[in-house]
Amino acid sequence: MKFLQELYLGEKIAPKVDQIVKKIMTEKNVPNLYLIAMSNHPDNMLDLIPHWEVLQKNYPKEMLRIVGLASNKKEAISMIQYMIEESMQLTGSADVRAYLEEKWEGQA
């Protein structure tokens, strides 16, 4: 599992992001947490994943590239909307996947 250096964070997540990322990496439960990840499916841009799902024994977490963390589903959806709007403003395109891929490449 990898994290974008400039993660998109929900209001409740931002003040304790380091603690939350540590819990995610040590596979400890974080109630009500939602992960926004780059989709591994070519037809999808992003995946919205409840944290409890990632804790399942056979979940393929090695390939996850996390771009955002939210404290609930509603906030996660709002954050995805913000990412799309940001992509539109900065690139002129709603292709948030391409926009975020550039961010991934920029941190390498």
N, C-alpha and C. Protein backbone atom coordinates (compact mmCIF):
# COMPACT_ATOMS: atom_id res chain seq x y z
N MET A 1 0.85 -1.17 0.00
CA MET A 1 0.00 0.00 0.00
C MET A 1 0.90 1.24 0.00
N LYS A 2 0.56 2.17 -0.88
CA LYS A 2 1.32 3.41 -0.96
C LYS A 2 0.37 4.59 -0.80
N PHE A 3 0.93 5.70 -0.33
CA PHE A 3 0.14 6.91 -0.10
C PHE A 3 0.68 8.06 -0.93
N LEU A 4 -0.21 8.83 -1.53
CA LEU A 4 0.18 10.05 -2.21
C LEU A 4 0.79 10.98 -1.18
N GLN A 5 1.89 11.64 -1.51
CA GLN A 5 2.53 12.53 -0.54
C GLN A 5 1.60 13.65 -0.08
N GLU A 6 0.86 14.21 -1.01
CA GLU A 6 -0.08 15.28 -0.68
C GLU A 6 -1.49 14.70 -0.65
N LEU A 7 -1.76 13.90 0.37
CA LEU A 7 -3.06 13.25 0.51
C LEU A 7 -4.18 14.27 0.61
N TYR A 8 -5.31 13.91 0.04
CA TYR A 8 -6.53 14.68 0.26
C TYR A 8 -7.12 14.16 1.57
N LEU A 9 -7.39 15.07 2.50
CA LEU A 9 -7.81 14.66 3.84
C LEU A 9 -9.11 15.31 4.25
N GLY A 10 -9.97 14.53 4.89
CA GLY A 10 -11.18 15.08 5.47
C GLY A 10 -10.85 15.91 6.70
N GLU A 11 -11.79 16.74 7.11
CA GLU A 11 -11.58 17.66 8.24
C GLU A 11 -11.18 16.95 9.53
N LYS A 12 -11.84 15.83 9.83
CA LYS A 12 -11.56 15.12 11.07
C LYS A 12 -10.26 14.31 10.98
N ILE A 13 -9.86 13.99 9.77
CA ILE A 13 -8.67 13.17 9.56
C ILE A 13 -7.40 14.00 9.65
N ALA A 14 -7.43 15.20 9.07
CA ALA A 14 -6.23 16.04 8.92
C ALA A 14 -5.41 16.20 10.20
N PRO A 15 -6.04 16.52 11.35
CA PRO A 15 -5.22 16.74 12.55
C PRO A 15 -4.49 15.49 13.07
N LYS A 16 -4.97 14.31 12.69
CA LYS A 16 -4.35 13.09 13.20
C LYS A 16 -3.93 12.14 12.08
N VAL A 17 -3.58 12.72 10.95
CA VAL A 17 -3.25 11.90 9.78
C VAL A 17 -2.08 10.94 10.03
N ASP A 18 -1.06 11.37 10.73
CA ASP A 18 0.09 10.50 10.98
C ASP A 18 -0.32 9.27 11.80
N GLN A 19 -1.14 9.48 12.82
CA GLN A 19 -1.61 8.36 13.65
C GLN A 19 -2.47 7.41 12.83
N ILE A 20 -3.32 7.97 11.98
CA ILE A 20 -4.23 7.15 11.18
C ILE A 20 -3.46 6.33 10.15
N VAL A 21 -2.50 6.95 9.48
CA VAL A 21 -1.69 6.22 8.50
C VAL A 21 -0.93 5.09 9.19
N LYS A 22 -0.41 5.36 10.38
CA LYS A 22 0.30 4.33 11.14
C LYS A 22 -0.64 3.15 11.45
N LYS A 23 -1.87 3.45 11.86
CA LYS A 23 -2.84 2.39 12.14
C LYS A 23 -3.18 1.60 10.89
N ILE A 24 -3.31 2.30 9.77
CA ILE A 24 -3.60 1.61 8.51
C ILE A 24 -2.46 0.65 8.17
N MET A 25 -1.24 1.13 8.30
CA MET A 25 -0.08 0.32 7.93
C MET A 25 0.14 -0.86 8.88
N THR A 26 -0.29 -0.72 10.12
CA THR A 26 -0.15 -1.83 11.08
C THR A 26 -1.43 -2.66 11.17
N GLU A 27 -2.34 -2.39 10.24
CA GLU A 27 -3.59 -3.14 10.12
C GLU A 27 -4.45 -3.11 11.37
N LYS A 28 -4.52 -1.94 11.99
CA LYS A 28 -5.42 -1.75 13.12
C LYS A 28 -6.67 -1.05 12.61
N ASN A 29 -7.80 -1.41 13.16
CA ASN A 29 -9.07 -0.85 12.71
C ASN A 29 -9.19 0.64 13.03
N VAL A 30 -9.65 1.39 12.07
CA VAL A 30 -9.98 2.80 12.26
C VAL A 30 -11.46 2.93 11.90
N PRO A 31 -12.33 3.02 12.91
CA PRO A 31 -13.77 3.07 12.64
C PRO A 31 -14.15 4.24 11.74
N ASN A 32 -15.08 3.99 10.85
CA ASN A 32 -15.68 4.98 9.95
C ASN A 32 -14.71 5.56 8.92
N LEU A 33 -13.54 5.00 8.78
CA LEU A 33 -12.56 5.51 7.83
C LEU A 33 -12.85 5.00 6.42
N TYR A 34 -12.75 5.89 5.45
CA TYR A 34 -12.87 5.52 4.04
C TYR A 34 -11.59 5.90 3.33
N LEU A 35 -11.11 4.99 2.49
CA LEU A 35 -9.92 5.22 1.69
C LEU A 35 -10.35 5.54 0.27
N ILE A 36 -9.74 6.55 -0.32
CA ILE A 36 -9.96 6.86 -1.72
C ILE A 36 -8.68 6.43 -2.43
N ALA A 37 -8.82 5.48 -3.35
CA ALA A 37 -7.65 4.89 -4.00
C ALA A 37 -7.75 4.97 -5.51
N MET A 38 -6.59 4.98 -6.15
CA MET A 38 -6.55 4.87 -7.60
C MET A 38 -7.08 3.49 -7.94
N SER A 39 -7.97 3.42 -8.91
CA SER A 39 -8.56 2.14 -9.27
C SER A 39 -7.57 1.31 -10.09
N ASN A 40 -7.55 0.02 -9.84
CA ASN A 40 -6.74 -0.90 -10.64
C ASN A 40 -7.49 -1.36 -11.88
N HIS A 41 -8.77 -1.03 -11.96
CA HIS A 41 -9.59 -1.41 -13.12
C HIS A 41 -9.50 -0.29 -14.16
N PRO A 42 -9.18 -0.60 -15.39
CA PRO A 42 -8.97 0.44 -16.41
C PRO A 42 -10.20 1.29 -16.72
N ASP A 43 -11.39 0.79 -16.43
CA ASP A 43 -12.60 1.56 -16.72
C ASP A 43 -13.00 2.50 -15.59
N ASN A 44 -12.35 2.40 -14.44
CA ASN A 44 -12.68 3.22 -13.29
C ASN A 44 -11.56 4.21 -12.99
N MET A 45 -11.93 5.35 -12.42
CA MET A 45 -10.92 6.33 -12.04
C MET A 45 -10.44 6.11 -10.61
N LEU A 46 -11.40 6.02 -9.70
CA LEU A 46 -11.08 5.91 -8.27
C LEU A 46 -11.95 4.83 -7.64
N ASP A 47 -11.47 4.30 -6.52
CA ASP A 47 -12.24 3.36 -5.72
C ASP A 47 -12.46 3.98 -4.34
N LEU A 48 -13.64 3.82 -3.82
CA LEU A 48 -13.99 4.27 -2.48
C LEU A 48 -14.11 3.00 -1.63
N ILE A 49 -13.20 2.86 -0.66
CA ILE A 49 -13.09 1.60 0.07
C ILE A 49 -13.23 1.84 1.57
N PRO A 50 -14.21 1.20 2.23
CA PRO A 50 -14.27 1.28 3.69
C PRO A 50 -13.03 0.59 4.27
N HIS A 51 -12.44 1.18 5.28
CA HIS A 51 -11.20 0.64 5.84
C HIS A 51 -11.36 -0.79 6.34
N TRP A 52 -12.50 -1.12 6.92
CA TRP A 52 -12.69 -2.48 7.43
C TRP A 52 -12.52 -3.51 6.32
N GLU A 53 -12.84 -3.13 5.08
CA GLU A 53 -12.72 -4.06 3.96
C GLU A 53 -11.25 -4.43 3.70
N VAL A 54 -10.38 -3.45 3.81
CA VAL A 54 -8.95 -3.65 3.58
C VAL A 54 -8.35 -4.56 4.66
N LEU A 55 -8.97 -4.60 5.82
CA LEU A 55 -8.47 -5.44 6.91
C LEU A 55 -8.78 -6.92 6.73
N GLN A 56 -9.61 -7.26 5.75
CA GLN A 56 -9.93 -8.66 5.51
C GLN A 56 -8.66 -9.41 5.09
N LYS A 57 -8.58 -10.64 5.51
CA LYS A 57 -7.36 -11.44 5.36
C LYS A 57 -6.83 -11.50 3.92
N ASN A 58 -7.66 -11.72 2.96
CA ASN A 58 -7.20 -11.92 1.59
C ASN A 58 -7.37 -10.70 0.70
N TYR A 59 -7.57 -9.53 1.30
CA TYR A 59 -7.73 -8.33 0.49
C TYR A 59 -6.39 -7.98 -0.16
N PRO A 60 -6.37 -7.71 -1.48
CA PRO A 60 -5.11 -7.40 -2.18
C PRO A 60 -4.64 -5.96 -1.94
N LYS A 61 -4.06 -5.70 -0.79
CA LYS A 61 -3.69 -4.33 -0.43
C LYS A 61 -2.33 -3.88 -0.98
N GLU A 62 -1.53 -4.81 -1.48
CA GLU A 62 -0.20 -4.45 -1.97
C GLU A 62 -0.26 -3.43 -3.11
N MET A 63 -1.27 -3.53 -3.95
CA MET A 63 -1.38 -2.67 -5.13
C MET A 63 -2.13 -1.37 -4.86
N LEU A 64 -2.63 -1.17 -3.66
CA LEU A 64 -3.41 0.03 -3.36
C LEU A 64 -2.55 1.29 -3.38
N ARG A 65 -3.04 2.30 -4.08
CA ARG A 65 -2.39 3.61 -4.08
C ARG A 65 -3.43 4.60 -3.54
N ILE A 66 -3.26 4.98 -2.30
CA ILE A 66 -4.22 5.82 -1.59
C ILE A 66 -3.98 7.30 -1.93
N VAL A 67 -5.05 7.98 -2.33
CA VAL A 67 -4.95 9.42 -2.63
C VAL A 67 -5.71 10.27 -1.62
N GLY A 68 -6.61 9.64 -0.84
CA GLY A 68 -7.38 10.41 0.13
C GLY A 68 -7.90 9.56 1.27
N LEU A 69 -8.18 10.24 2.39
CA LEU A 69 -8.74 9.61 3.58
C LEU A 69 -9.89 10.47 4.08
N ALA A 70 -11.00 9.82 4.39
CA ALA A 70 -12.18 10.55 4.85
C ALA A 70 -12.78 9.85 6.07
N SER A 71 -13.49 10.63 6.89
CA SER A 71 -14.04 10.08 8.13
C SER A 71 -15.42 9.44 7.94
N ASN A 72 -16.01 9.57 6.77
CA ASN A 72 -17.28 8.90 6.48
C ASN A 72 -17.51 8.89 4.97
N LYS A 73 -18.51 8.16 4.53
CA LYS A 73 -18.76 8.00 3.10
C LYS A 73 -19.16 9.30 2.44
N LYS A 74 -20.00 10.07 3.10
CA LYS A 74 -20.45 11.35 2.54
C LYS A 74 -19.26 12.28 2.30
N GLU A 75 -18.38 12.35 3.28
CA GLU A 75 -17.19 13.20 3.15
C GLU A 75 -16.30 12.69 2.01
N ALA A 76 -16.17 11.39 1.89
CA ALA A 76 -15.34 10.81 0.82
C ALA A 76 -15.89 11.17 -0.55
N ILE A 77 -17.19 11.11 -0.71
CA ILE A 77 -17.81 11.47 -1.99
C ILE A 77 -17.59 12.95 -2.28
N SER A 78 -17.70 13.79 -1.27
CA SER A 78 -17.43 15.22 -1.45
C SER A 78 -15.98 15.46 -1.84
N MET A 79 -15.08 14.69 -1.28
CA MET A 79 -13.66 14.84 -1.61
C MET A 79 -13.39 14.43 -3.05
N ILE A 80 -14.05 13.38 -3.51
CA ILE A 80 -13.88 12.95 -4.90
C ILE A 80 -14.40 14.04 -5.83
N GLN A 81 -15.52 14.63 -5.47
CA GLN A 81 -16.07 15.74 -6.26
C GLN A 81 -15.06 16.88 -6.32
N TYR A 82 -14.45 17.19 -5.19
CA TYR A 82 -13.43 18.25 -5.14
C TYR A 82 -12.25 17.91 -6.05
N MET A 83 -11.81 16.65 -6.03
CA MET A 83 -10.68 16.23 -6.88
C MET A 83 -11.01 16.43 -8.35
N ILE A 84 -12.23 16.09 -8.74
CA ILE A 84 -12.65 16.27 -10.13
C ILE A 84 -12.69 17.75 -10.50
N GLU A 85 -13.23 18.57 -9.60
CA GLU A 85 -13.28 20.01 -9.85
C GLU A 85 -11.86 20.59 -9.95
N GLU A 86 -10.96 20.14 -9.09
CA GLU A 86 -9.59 20.60 -9.13
C GLU A 86 -8.92 20.21 -10.45
N SER A 87 -9.18 18.99 -10.89
CA SER A 87 -8.65 18.53 -12.17
C SER A 87 -9.17 19.40 -13.31
N MET A 88 -10.46 19.73 -13.27
CA MET A 88 -11.06 20.59 -14.30
C MET A 88 -10.39 21.96 -14.33
N GLN A 89 -10.19 22.53 -13.16
CA GLN A 89 -9.60 23.87 -13.07
C GLN A 89 -8.15 23.89 -13.55
N LEU A 90 -7.38 22.88 -13.18
CA LEU A 90 -5.95 22.90 -13.47
C LEU A 90 -5.57 22.30 -14.83
N THR A 91 -6.39 21.39 -15.34
CA THR A 91 -6.04 20.73 -16.59
C THR A 91 -7.07 20.95 -17.70
N GLY A 92 -8.26 21.42 -17.33
CA GLY A 92 -9.33 21.58 -18.32
C GLY A 92 -10.04 20.27 -18.63
N SER A 93 -9.73 19.23 -17.86
CA SER A 93 -10.32 17.91 -18.09
C SER A 93 -10.86 17.33 -16.79
N ALA A 94 -11.93 16.57 -16.90
CA ALA A 94 -12.49 15.89 -15.73
C ALA A 94 -11.83 14.53 -15.50
N ASP A 95 -10.79 14.23 -16.26
CA ASP A 95 -10.09 12.96 -16.11
C ASP A 95 -9.21 13.00 -14.87
N VAL A 96 -9.84 12.79 -13.73
CA VAL A 96 -9.14 12.87 -12.45
C VAL A 96 -8.07 11.78 -12.34
N ARG A 97 -8.28 10.68 -13.02
CA ARG A 97 -7.28 9.61 -12.98
C ARG A 97 -5.96 10.10 -13.59
N ALA A 98 -6.02 10.73 -14.77
CA ALA A 98 -4.80 11.24 -15.41
C ALA A 98 -4.16 12.33 -14.56
N TYR A 99 -5.00 13.18 -13.97
CA TYR A 99 -4.50 14.27 -13.12
C TYR A 99 -3.74 13.70 -11.92
N LEU A 100 -4.32 12.69 -11.26
CA LEU A 100 -3.67 12.11 -10.08
C LEU A 100 -2.45 11.26 -10.47
N GLU A 101 -2.48 10.64 -11.64
CA GLU A 101 -1.30 9.90 -12.11
C GLU A 101 -0.11 10.83 -12.23
N GLU A 102 -0.35 12.05 -12.71
CA GLU A 102 0.73 13.04 -12.82
C GLU A 102 1.29 13.37 -11.43
N LYS A 103 0.40 13.47 -10.44
CA LYS A 103 0.86 13.73 -9.07
C LYS A 103 1.73 12.57 -8.57
N TRP A 104 1.33 11.32 -8.87
CA TRP A 104 2.11 10.15 -8.47
C TRP A 104 3.49 10.21 -9.10
N GLU A 105 3.53 10.51 -10.39
CA GLU A 105 4.81 10.56 -11.10
C GLU A 105 5.69 11.68 -10.54
N GLY A 106 5.08 12.79 -10.15
CA GLY A 106 5.82 13.92 -9.62
C GLY A 106 6.48 13.66 -8.27
N GLN A 107 5.99 12.67 -7.53
CA GLN A 107 6.57 12.39 -6.21
C GLN A 107 7.62 11.28 -6.27
N ALA A 108 7.75 10.66 -7.41
CA ALA A 108 8.71 9.54 -7.54
C ALA A 108 10.15 9.98 -7.51
